[in-house]
Amino acid sequence: MTKGFDAHYNPISGRVQNNVRYQGEMPALYAFNKWMVGKGISLG
């Protein structure tokens, strides 16, 4: 089983959206969100 996700910016909603489906992908999503906020990019 692989873990990962895709994230993209939705210009209609103005938010970064992702395709996380499994609980095991949450640590990767957390790390991504922390990195984005550290770069000054609001996640909504």
C-alpha atoms as a PDB file:
ATOM      1  CA  MET A   1       0.000   0.000   0.000  1.00  0.00           C
ATOM      2  CA  THR A   2       1.303   3.430  -0.887  1.00  0.00           C
ATOM      3  CA  LYS A   3       0.564   6.599   1.001  1.00  0.00           C
ATOM      4  CA  GLY A   4       0.248   9.965  -0.595  1.00  0.00           C
ATOM      5  CA  PHE A   5      -2.130  12.541  -1.870  1.00  0.00           C
ATOM      6  CA  ASP A   6      -2.553  15.208  -4.487  1.00  0.00           C
ATOM      7  CA  ALA A   7      -3.320  18.803  -3.637  1.00  0.00           C
ATOM      8  CA  HIS A   8      -4.348  21.648  -5.922  1.00  0.00           C
ATOM      9  CA  TYR A   9      -5.493  25.244  -5.682  1.00  0.00           C
ATOM     10  CA  ASN A  10      -9.152  25.724  -6.541  1.00  0.00           C
ATOM     11  CA  PRO A  11      -9.532  29.281  -7.866  1.00  0.00           C
ATOM     12  CA  ILE A  12     -13.325  29.107  -7.547  1.00  0.00           C
ATOM     13  CA  SER A  13     -13.300  28.431  -3.807  1.00  0.00           C
ATOM     14  CA  GLY A  14      -9.906  30.089  -3.193  1.00  0.00           C
ATOM     15  CA  ARG A  15      -8.771  27.045  -1.213  1.00  0.00           C
ATOM     16  CA  VAL A  16      -6.190  24.311  -1.501  1.00  0.00           C
ATOM     17  CA  GLN A  17      -8.035  21.027  -1.891  1.00  0.00           C
ATOM     18  CA  ASN A  18      -6.748  17.485  -1.555  1.00  0.00           C
ATOM     19  CA  ASN A  19      -7.793  13.922  -2.262  1.00  0.00           C
ATOM     20  CA  VAL A  20      -6.949  12.310   1.094  1.00  0.00           C
ATOM     21  CA  ARG A  21      -9.057   9.184   1.440  1.00  0.00           C
ATOM     22  CA  TYR A  22      -7.322   7.074   4.067  1.00  0.00           C
ATOM     23  CA  GLN A  23      -6.401   7.778   7.675  1.00  0.00           C
ATOM     24  CA  GLY A  24      -2.840   6.657   6.925  1.00  0.00           C
ATOM     25  CA  GLU A  25      -2.390   9.639   4.612  1.00  0.00           C
ATOM     26  CA  MET A  26      -3.081  12.194   7.345  1.00  0.00           C
ATOM     27  CA  PRO A  27       0.576  12.575   8.509  1.00  0.00           C
ATOM     28  CA  ALA A  28       1.611  13.490   4.945  1.00  0.00           C
ATOM     29  CA  LEU A  29      -1.257  15.973   4.674  1.00  0.00           C
ATOM     30  CA  TYR A  30      -0.321  17.509   8.047  1.00  0.00           C
ATOM     31  CA  ALA A  31       3.293  17.945   6.927  1.00  0.00           C
ATOM     32  CA  PHE A  32       2.139  19.522   3.650  1.00  0.00           C
ATOM     33  CA  ASN A  33      -0.220  21.930   5.426  1.00  0.00           C
ATOM     34  CA  LYS A  34       2.512  22.914   7.903  1.00  0.00           C
ATOM     35  CA  TRP A  35       4.908  23.588   5.027  1.00  0.00           C
ATOM     36  CA  MET A  36       2.305  25.706   3.169  1.00  0.00           C
ATOM     37  CA  VAL A  37       1.556  27.819   6.249  1.00  0.00           C
ATOM     38  CA  GLY A  38       5.297  28.209   6.835  1.00  0.00           C
ATOM     39  CA  LYS A  39       5.561  29.679   3.330  1.00  0.00           C
ATOM     40  CA  GLY A  40       2.787  32.161   4.150  1.00  0.00           C
ATOM     41  CA  ILE A  41       0.109  30.453   2.054  1.00  0.00           C
ATOM     42  CA  SER A  42      -3.257  30.404   3.807  1.00  0.00           C
ATOM     43  CA  LEU A  43      -5.208  27.174   3.547  1.00  0.00           C
ATOM     44  CA  GLY A  44      -8.527  28.826   4.273  1.00  0.00           C
END
